Amino acid sequence: MDINSIISSNLLQLQQTVQMSVLQNAMNMETVAAVKLLEDMPQTAAPHPYKGSAVDIQG
């Protein structure tokens, strides 16, 4: 195996490793942003749009 093919193979592996690292970092940043967004949402329960406002009695 000549030196060029060894270097080419190692470079390809390095590029794949860097791409996976960048992807993992991006996913981590998105996860942190999503968790912060959920934590910042108000925790009050929204009232039901019609429950309790009308009574339907059939006889």
N, C-alpha and C. Protein backbone atom coordinates (compact mmCIF):
# COMPACT_ATOMS: atom_id res chain seq x y z
N MET A 1 0.86 -1.17 0.00
CA MET A 1 0.00 0.00 0.00
C MET A 1 0.90 1.24 0.00
N ASP A 2 0.68 2.13 -0.89
CA ASP A 2 1.54 3.30 -0.96
C ASP A 2 1.08 4.38 0.01
N ILE A 3 1.95 5.33 0.24
CA ILE A 3 1.72 6.37 1.23
C ILE A 3 0.50 7.24 0.88
N ASN A 4 0.25 7.47 -0.40
CA ASN A 4 -0.89 8.30 -0.80
C ASN A 4 -2.22 7.66 -0.42
N SER A 5 -2.35 6.37 -0.62
CA SER A 5 -3.60 5.71 -0.28
C SER A 5 -3.79 5.65 1.24
N ILE A 6 -2.70 5.51 2.00
CA ILE A 6 -2.79 5.51 3.46
C ILE A 6 -3.25 6.88 3.95
N ILE A 7 -2.63 7.91 3.42
CA ILE A 7 -3.00 9.27 3.82
C ILE A 7 -4.44 9.57 3.42
N SER A 8 -4.83 9.15 2.23
CA SER A 8 -6.19 9.38 1.76
C SER A 8 -7.20 8.68 2.66
N SER A 9 -6.90 7.45 3.04
CA SER A 9 -7.79 6.70 3.92
C SER A 9 -7.89 7.36 5.29
N ASN A 10 -6.75 7.77 5.83
CA ASN A 10 -6.76 8.44 7.13
C ASN A 10 -7.50 9.77 7.07
N LEU A 11 -7.33 10.51 5.99
CA LEU A 11 -8.03 11.78 5.83
C LEU A 11 -9.53 11.57 5.77
N LEU A 12 -9.97 10.55 5.06
CA LEU A 12 -11.40 10.25 4.97
C LEU A 12 -11.96 9.91 6.35
N GLN A 13 -11.24 9.10 7.11
CA GLN A 13 -11.68 8.76 8.46
C GLN A 13 -11.74 10.00 9.35
N LEU A 14 -10.75 10.87 9.22
CA LEU A 14 -10.74 12.10 10.01
C LEU A 14 -11.91 13.00 9.65
N GLN A 15 -12.22 13.11 8.36
CA GLN A 15 -13.35 13.93 7.92
C GLN A 15 -14.66 13.39 8.48
N GLN A 16 -14.83 12.08 8.47
CA GLN A 16 -16.04 11.47 9.01
C GLN A 16 -16.15 11.71 10.51
N THR A 17 -15.01 11.61 11.21
CA THR A 17 -15.01 11.85 12.66
C THR A 17 -15.38 13.29 12.96
N VAL A 18 -14.82 14.23 12.22
CA VAL A 18 -15.12 15.64 12.44
C VAL A 18 -16.58 15.92 12.13
N GLN A 19 -17.11 15.34 11.05
CA GLN A 19 -18.52 15.54 10.71
C GLN A 19 -19.42 15.01 11.82
N MET A 20 -19.11 13.85 12.36
CA MET A 20 -19.92 13.29 13.44
C MET A 20 -19.83 14.17 14.69
N SER A 21 -18.64 14.71 14.96
CA SER A 21 -18.47 15.57 16.11
C SER A 21 -19.28 16.85 15.95
N VAL A 22 -19.25 17.44 14.77
CA VAL A 22 -20.02 18.66 14.51
C VAL A 22 -21.51 18.38 14.61
N LEU A 23 -21.94 17.24 14.06
CA LEU A 23 -23.35 16.87 14.15
C LEU A 23 -23.78 16.66 15.59
N GLN A 24 -22.95 15.99 16.37
CA GLN A 24 -23.27 15.75 17.78
C GLN A 24 -23.37 17.07 18.53
N ASN A 25 -22.45 17.99 18.28
CA ASN A 25 -22.49 19.29 18.95
C ASN A 25 -23.74 20.07 18.56
N ALA A 26 -24.12 20.03 17.30
CA ALA A 26 -25.33 20.72 16.85
C ALA A 26 -26.56 20.13 17.51
N MET A 27 -26.63 18.81 17.60
CA MET A 27 -27.77 18.17 18.25
C MET A 27 -27.84 18.53 19.73
N ASN A 28 -26.68 18.59 20.39
CA ASN A 28 -26.66 18.96 21.80
C ASN A 28 -27.14 20.39 21.99
N MET A 29 -26.73 21.29 21.11
CA MET A 29 -27.15 22.68 21.22
C MET A 29 -28.66 22.79 20.99
N GLU A 30 -29.19 22.04 20.03
CA GLU A 30 -30.63 22.07 19.77
C GLU A 30 -31.40 21.50 20.95
N THR A 31 -30.87 20.47 21.57
CA THR A 31 -31.53 19.86 22.73
C THR A 31 -31.57 20.85 23.89
N VAL A 32 -30.46 21.52 24.12
CA VAL A 32 -30.40 22.50 25.20
C VAL A 32 -31.39 23.63 24.93
N ALA A 33 -31.47 24.08 23.68
CA ALA A 33 -32.40 25.16 23.34
C ALA A 33 -33.85 24.71 23.52
N ALA A 34 -34.16 23.48 23.14
CA ALA A 34 -35.52 22.97 23.29
C ALA A 34 -35.90 22.83 24.76
N VAL A 35 -34.98 22.35 25.58
CA VAL A 35 -35.25 22.21 27.01
C VAL A 35 -35.46 23.58 27.64
N LYS A 36 -34.64 24.56 27.27
CA LYS A 36 -34.80 25.92 27.81
C LYS A 36 -36.14 26.50 27.39
N LEU A 37 -36.53 26.27 26.14
CA LEU A 37 -37.82 26.77 25.66
C LEU A 37 -38.96 26.15 26.46
N LEU A 38 -38.90 24.85 26.71
CA LEU A 38 -39.94 24.18 27.49
C LEU A 38 -39.96 24.67 28.94
N GLU A 39 -38.78 24.91 29.50
CA GLU A 39 -38.73 25.38 30.88
C GLU A 39 -39.28 26.80 31.00
N ASP A 40 -39.11 27.61 29.97
CA ASP A 40 -39.56 29.00 30.01
C ASP A 40 -41.05 29.15 29.72
N MET A 41 -41.71 28.09 29.27
CA MET A 41 -43.13 28.17 28.99
C MET A 41 -43.92 28.33 30.29
N PRO A 42 -45.00 29.09 30.26
CA PRO A 42 -45.80 29.22 31.48
C PRO A 42 -46.41 27.87 31.87
N GLN A 43 -46.49 27.64 33.16
CA GLN A 43 -46.96 26.35 33.66
C GLN A 43 -48.43 26.36 34.05
N THR A 44 -49.14 27.43 33.76
CA THR A 44 -50.55 27.50 34.12
C THR A 44 -51.37 26.63 33.17
N ALA A 45 -52.38 25.99 33.74
CA ALA A 45 -53.25 25.14 32.93
C ALA A 45 -54.27 26.02 32.21
N ALA A 46 -54.44 25.79 30.94
CA ALA A 46 -55.42 26.54 30.16
C ALA A 46 -56.82 26.00 30.46
N PRO A 47 -57.81 26.88 30.58
CA PRO A 47 -59.17 26.40 30.83
C PRO A 47 -59.71 25.65 29.61
N HIS A 48 -60.56 24.69 29.89
CA HIS A 48 -61.18 23.93 28.81
C HIS A 48 -62.14 24.85 28.06
N PRO A 49 -62.18 24.77 26.71
CA PRO A 49 -62.97 25.73 25.95
C PRO A 49 -64.48 25.66 26.19
N TYR A 50 -65.03 24.50 26.55
CA TYR A 50 -66.48 24.44 26.74
C TYR A 50 -66.90 23.62 27.96
N LYS A 51 -66.02 22.89 28.57
CA LYS A 51 -66.38 22.03 29.69
C LYS A 51 -66.88 22.87 30.86
N GLY A 52 -68.05 22.54 31.36
CA GLY A 52 -68.62 23.24 32.48
C GLY A 52 -69.48 24.43 32.11
N SER A 53 -69.48 24.82 30.85
CA SER A 53 -70.26 26.00 30.47
C SER A 53 -71.63 25.61 29.91
N ALA A 54 -71.83 24.35 29.56
CA ALA A 54 -73.12 23.92 29.00
C ALA A 54 -73.45 22.54 29.55
N VAL A 55 -74.72 22.31 29.79
CA VAL A 55 -75.18 21.01 30.28
C VAL A 55 -76.16 20.45 29.26
N ASP A 56 -75.90 19.25 28.79
CA ASP A 56 -76.77 18.60 27.79
C ASP A 56 -77.46 17.42 28.47
N ILE A 57 -78.73 17.58 28.77
CA ILE A 57 -79.48 16.51 29.43
C ILE A 57 -80.55 16.01 28.47
N GLN A 58 -80.49 14.73 28.18
CA GLN A 58 -81.51 14.12 27.30
C GLN A 58 -82.34 13.16 28.14
N GLY A 59 -83.64 13.15 27.91
CA GLY A 59 -84.49 12.32 28.74
C GLY A 59 -85.28 11.31 28.01
